[in-house]
Amino acid sequence: MKNVKLKSPKQSSKSNAAPVRLARQRSAYSAAEVEEIFRRFSVQRPEPRGELEHVNPFTLVVAVALSAQATDAGVNKATRALFAVADTPQKMLALGEEKLRDYIKTIGLYRNKAKNVIALSEKLIADFGGEVPRTREELVTLPGVGRKTANVVLSMAFGQPTIAVDTHIFRIANRILLAPGRTPDEVEAHLLSVIPEAYLYHAHHWLILHGRYVCKARRPECERCVIADLCKSPEKTCDIPAPLVELPPQVVPIAG
């Protein structure tokens, strides 16, 4: 594997930059510390779930595609009525782009998203017999479906251990120095390399929920954090971990 940082010692004017880049790529935690972090998450939420409502793999693809630059709550509000009338690619095509826009007009970028949903429905029928494919390589060929969406579908619909790096996970991985990276792909690869295999399947949801409800974007609520004593974030405001107790079950509709 090539490493451009090997050339940096000869560049006197930029030699100080190389160690910073090296540091960004190294987790601040030992393997034992990472194991303990995810052990605590597993106690707190034994069976975490994604919060996008869906009834089958197709509606999950649509919901995740619609969730770009939107909240899960906002998407759920729009898709409850939509999925009641269009829960297959065939029904979505019959609904049509214009009527689809009426259902999702409260979601940001809804015009372009409606176009993509119709296009991905057409492709599913034409290329995959109306079924959602089970590989990342095939999923990303669908209009409006990128690597993050594909990873969510692989995990939530087909039970494959993946890390879908959304804004919460990207922020958490860098903020607490668990798996620093400059891009979502770097963070994904880094997380896959440091998270113990036993915790990998649920790790995606644990990190998202931790970022959404505790380690929030504007101000992390460290007093509510079960890993406050382990956390190495420069932004940390508390060293005393919150009580490690199982949280009430999430109220999330189960796919049918």
Protein backbone atom coordinates (compact mmCIF):
# COMPACT_ATOMS: atom_id res chain seq x y z
CA MET A 1 0.00 0.00 0.00
CA LYS A 2 1.40 3.36 -1.00
CA ASN A 3 1.84 5.96 1.68
CA VAL A 4 2.64 9.49 0.54
CA LYS A 5 3.63 10.45 4.07
CA LEU A 6 6.92 8.61 3.59
CA LYS A 7 8.09 11.50 1.41
CA SER A 8 7.33 14.21 3.94
CA PRO A 9 10.65 14.24 5.86
CA LYS A 10 12.34 15.77 2.79
CA GLN A 11 9.88 18.66 2.72
CA SER A 12 11.10 21.00 5.43
CA SER A 13 8.38 23.59 4.89
CA LYS A 14 5.59 21.02 5.28
CA SER A 15 7.15 18.50 7.62
CA ASN A 16 4.90 19.53 10.49
CA ALA A 17 1.75 18.65 8.51
CA ALA A 18 2.53 14.95 8.09
CA PRO A 19 2.22 13.93 11.77
CA VAL A 20 -1.21 15.61 11.91
CA ARG A 21 -2.43 13.53 8.99
CA LEU A 22 -0.98 10.42 10.61
CA ALA A 23 -2.74 11.19 13.89
CA ARG A 24 -6.09 11.63 12.14
CA GLN A 25 -5.92 8.09 10.85
CA ARG A 26 -5.25 6.41 14.20
CA SER A 27 -7.92 5.52 16.74
CA ALA A 28 -7.28 7.08 20.15
CA TYR A 29 -8.47 3.88 21.85
CA SER A 30 -6.89 0.53 22.62
CA ALA A 31 -8.64 -2.62 21.48
CA ALA A 32 -9.76 -3.23 25.07
CA GLU A 33 -11.24 0.27 25.30
CA VAL A 34 -13.15 -0.16 22.03
CA GLU A 35 -14.46 -3.49 23.28
CA GLU A 36 -15.69 -1.81 26.47
CA ILE A 37 -17.35 1.06 24.57
CA PHE A 38 -19.45 -1.31 22.50
CA ARG A 39 -20.12 -3.62 25.44
CA ARG A 40 -21.73 -0.68 27.22
CA PHE A 41 -23.73 0.27 24.13
CA SER A 42 -24.95 -3.34 23.96
CA VAL A 43 -26.13 -3.21 27.56
CA GLN A 44 -27.85 0.13 27.02
CA ARG A 45 -29.59 -0.93 23.77
CA PRO A 46 -29.48 -4.72 23.32
CA GLU A 47 -31.51 -4.61 20.08
CA PRO A 48 -31.15 -1.19 18.46
CA ARG A 49 -33.24 -0.43 15.39
CA GLY A 50 -33.22 2.10 12.63
CA GLU A 51 -35.93 4.71 12.97
CA LEU A 52 -37.09 4.88 9.36
CA GLU A 53 -40.48 3.24 8.99
CA HIS A 54 -40.81 0.67 6.22
CA VAL A 55 -42.76 -2.48 5.41
CA ASN A 56 -40.40 -4.34 3.07
CA PRO A 57 -36.98 -3.93 1.40
CA PHE A 58 -38.40 -1.75 -1.39
CA THR A 59 -39.99 0.75 0.98
CA LEU A 60 -36.76 0.79 2.98
CA VAL A 61 -34.76 1.72 -0.14
CA VAL A 62 -37.24 4.50 -0.86
CA ALA A 63 -37.26 5.76 2.74
CA VAL A 64 -33.46 5.87 2.98
CA ALA A 65 -33.20 7.62 -0.40
CA LEU A 66 -35.73 10.21 0.78
CA SER A 67 -33.90 10.73 4.07
CA ALA A 68 -30.90 12.48 2.49
CA GLN A 69 -30.71 15.97 4.05
CA ALA A 70 -33.94 15.25 5.94
CA THR A 71 -34.86 13.87 9.35
CA ASP A 72 -36.19 10.36 9.89
CA ALA A 73 -39.24 11.84 11.61
CA GLY A 74 -39.98 14.06 8.62
CA VAL A 75 -39.59 11.17 6.20
CA ASN A 76 -41.80 8.89 8.31
CA LYS A 77 -44.55 11.50 8.40
CA ALA A 78 -44.58 11.66 4.60
CA THR A 79 -44.16 7.98 3.83
CA ARG A 80 -46.87 6.54 6.08
CA ALA A 81 -49.55 7.53 3.59
CA LEU A 82 -47.30 6.88 0.59
CA PHE A 83 -46.44 3.30 1.52
CA ALA A 84 -50.11 2.56 2.20
CA VAL A 85 -50.76 2.96 -1.54
CA ALA A 86 -47.35 2.22 -3.10
CA ASP A 87 -45.27 -0.45 -1.36
CA THR A 88 -43.89 -2.12 -4.51
CA PRO A 89 -42.04 -0.81 -7.58
CA GLN A 90 -45.07 -1.61 -9.71
CA LYS A 91 -47.43 0.36 -7.50
CA MET A 92 -44.97 3.25 -7.34
CA LEU A 93 -44.85 3.44 -11.13
CA ALA A 94 -48.65 3.30 -11.30
CA LEU A 95 -48.80 6.18 -8.83
CA GLY A 96 -46.56 8.28 -11.07
CA GLU A 97 -44.07 11.04 -10.41
CA GLU A 98 -46.60 13.87 -10.11
CA LYS A 99 -48.73 12.15 -7.46
CA LEU A 100 -45.60 10.93 -5.69
CA ARG A 101 -44.46 14.55 -5.34
CA ASP A 102 -47.71 15.37 -3.55
CA TYR A 103 -46.95 12.74 -0.91
CA ILE A 104 -43.35 13.82 -0.27
CA LYS A 105 -43.49 17.58 -0.84
CA THR A 106 -42.72 18.25 2.83
CA ILE A 107 -39.31 16.60 2.38
CA GLY A 108 -36.34 18.64 1.18
CA LEU A 109 -35.35 18.24 -2.49
CA TYR A 110 -38.62 16.38 -3.06
CA ARG A 111 -38.79 17.02 -6.82
CA ASN A 112 -35.45 15.40 -7.55
CA LYS A 113 -36.13 12.63 -5.03
CA ALA A 114 -39.47 11.84 -6.69
CA LYS A 115 -37.70 11.56 -10.03
CA ASN A 116 -35.16 9.15 -8.52
CA VAL A 117 -37.80 7.00 -6.82
CA ILE A 118 -39.65 6.54 -10.10
CA ALA A 119 -36.39 5.80 -11.92
CA LEU A 120 -35.20 3.28 -9.32
CA SER A 121 -38.63 1.60 -9.44
CA GLU A 122 -38.30 1.25 -13.21
CA LYS A 123 -34.79 -0.19 -12.87
CA LEU A 124 -35.84 -2.66 -10.20
CA ILE A 125 -38.53 -4.01 -12.51
CA ALA A 126 -36.38 -3.99 -15.65
CA ASP A 127 -33.13 -5.35 -14.20
CA PHE A 128 -34.05 -7.19 -10.99
CA GLY A 129 -37.52 -8.61 -11.52
CA GLY A 130 -39.03 -6.10 -9.12
CA GLU A 131 -36.91 -7.36 -6.21
CA VAL A 132 -34.37 -5.32 -4.24
CA PRO A 133 -30.88 -6.74 -4.92
CA ARG A 134 -28.81 -8.08 -2.03
CA THR A 135 -25.36 -6.81 -3.00
CA ARG A 136 -23.84 -3.36 -2.61
CA GLU A 137 -22.57 -3.40 -6.17
CA GLU A 138 -26.09 -3.87 -7.53
CA LEU A 139 -27.79 -1.51 -5.09
CA VAL A 140 -25.60 1.45 -6.01
CA THR A 141 -26.70 1.13 -9.64
CA LEU A 142 -30.16 2.29 -8.59
CA PRO A 143 -30.88 6.02 -9.17
CA GLY A 144 -30.49 8.02 -5.96
CA VAL A 145 -28.81 5.14 -4.11
CA GLY A 146 -25.24 5.70 -2.92
CA ARG A 147 -22.97 3.66 -0.70
CA LYS A 148 -24.57 4.87 2.54
CA THR A 149 -28.08 3.96 1.38
CA ALA A 150 -26.86 0.59 0.12
CA ASN A 151 -25.22 -0.17 3.47
CA VAL A 152 -28.40 0.70 5.38
CA VAL A 153 -30.45 -1.60 3.15
CA LEU A 154 -27.94 -4.44 3.44
CA SER A 155 -28.03 -4.15 7.22
CA MET A 156 -31.69 -3.48 7.93
CA ALA A 157 -33.30 -5.52 5.15
CA PHE A 158 -30.87 -8.39 4.74
CA GLY A 159 -29.04 -8.66 8.07
CA GLN A 160 -25.55 -7.99 6.75
CA PRO A 161 -23.06 -6.29 9.12
CA THR A 162 -22.27 -2.96 7.49
CA ILE A 163 -21.42 0.57 8.62
CA ALA A 164 -23.48 3.25 6.89
CA VAL A 165 -21.69 6.52 7.60
CA ASP A 166 -24.28 9.27 7.91
CA THR A 167 -23.72 12.70 9.46
CA HIS A 168 -24.08 11.34 13.02
CA ILE A 169 -21.55 8.55 12.58
CA PHE A 170 -19.10 10.77 10.70
CA ARG A 171 -19.29 13.34 13.50
CA ILE A 172 -19.00 10.80 16.33
CA ALA A 173 -16.10 8.88 14.78
CA ASN A 174 -14.12 12.10 14.44
CA ARG A 175 -15.30 13.90 17.58
CA ILE A 176 -14.44 11.13 20.03
CA LEU A 177 -11.40 10.05 17.94
CA LEU A 178 -12.73 6.51 17.62
CA ALA A 179 -12.15 6.24 13.87
CA PRO A 180 -10.98 9.56 12.45
CA GLY A 181 -11.28 10.12 8.71
CA ARG A 182 -11.58 12.93 6.20
CA THR A 183 -14.37 11.29 4.18
CA PRO A 184 -17.29 8.95 4.91
CA ASP A 185 -15.46 6.15 3.08
CA GLU A 186 -12.36 6.62 5.27
CA VAL A 187 -14.47 6.59 8.42
CA GLU A 188 -16.33 3.47 7.26
CA ALA A 189 -13.10 1.60 6.58
CA HIS A 190 -11.61 2.73 9.89
CA LEU A 191 -14.66 1.70 11.90
CA LEU A 192 -14.69 -1.71 10.23
CA SER A 193 -11.07 -2.16 11.27
CA VAL A 194 -11.51 -1.24 14.96
CA ILE A 195 -14.98 -2.50 15.93
CA PRO A 196 -14.92 -6.03 17.37
CA GLU A 197 -16.68 -8.51 15.11
CA ALA A 198 -19.10 -9.52 17.85
CA TYR A 199 -20.50 -5.99 17.94
CA LEU A 200 -20.31 -5.13 14.24
CA TYR A 201 -23.89 -5.95 13.27
CA HIS A 202 -25.45 -3.42 15.69
CA ALA A 203 -22.57 -0.91 15.76
CA HIS A 204 -24.09 1.25 13.01
CA HIS A 205 -27.30 1.84 14.96
CA TRP A 206 -25.56 2.24 18.32
CA LEU A 207 -23.41 5.04 16.94
CA ILE A 208 -26.29 6.76 15.15
CA LEU A 209 -28.51 6.70 18.22
CA HIS A 210 -25.65 7.86 20.44
CA GLY A 211 -25.06 10.80 18.11
CA ARG A 212 -28.73 11.62 17.76
CA TYR A 213 -29.68 11.55 21.44
CA VAL A 214 -26.51 12.01 23.52
CA CYS A 215 -23.43 13.19 21.62
CA LYS A 216 -25.44 15.85 19.81
CA ALA A 217 -24.06 18.11 17.11
CA ARG A 218 -24.43 21.46 18.88
CA ARG A 219 -23.48 20.35 22.38
CA PRO A 220 -22.69 16.82 23.51
CA GLU A 221 -24.66 15.88 26.62
CA CYS A 222 -21.73 14.24 28.37
CA GLU A 223 -23.59 13.93 31.66
CA ARG A 224 -25.91 11.42 29.92
CA CYS A 225 -23.10 9.45 28.28
CA VAL A 226 -22.34 5.88 29.37
CA ILE A 227 -18.79 6.11 27.98
CA ALA A 228 -17.88 9.51 29.44
CA ASP A 229 -14.98 8.07 31.41
CA LEU A 230 -13.53 6.38 28.31
CA CYS A 231 -14.20 9.18 25.86
CA LYS A 232 -11.12 11.02 24.58
CA SER A 233 -12.91 13.89 22.84
CA PRO A 234 -11.39 17.36 23.39
CA GLU A 235 -15.00 18.60 23.67
CA LYS A 236 -15.82 16.34 26.62
CA THR A 237 -17.30 18.16 29.63
CA CYS A 238 -17.71 15.26 32.06
CA ASP A 239 -15.62 12.26 33.17
CA ILE A 240 -18.32 10.46 35.12
CA PRO A 241 -20.31 7.96 33.02
CA ALA A 242 -24.07 7.88 33.19
CA PRO A 243 -25.59 4.82 34.89
CA LEU A 244 -25.34 1.79 32.63
CA VAL A 245 -28.93 0.61 32.45
CA GLU A 246 -31.01 -0.77 29.63
CA LEU A 247 -33.12 1.90 27.98
CA PRO A 248 -36.83 1.40 27.29
CA PRO A 249 -37.47 -0.43 23.99
CA GLN A 250 -37.62 1.77 20.93
CA VAL A 251 -41.05 2.29 19.47
CA VAL A 252 -40.22 1.54 15.85
CA PRO A 253 -42.58 -0.24 13.46
CA ILE A 254 -41.25 -3.64 12.43
CA ALA A 255 -41.03 -4.38 8.74
CA GLY A 256 -43.66 -6.80 7.55
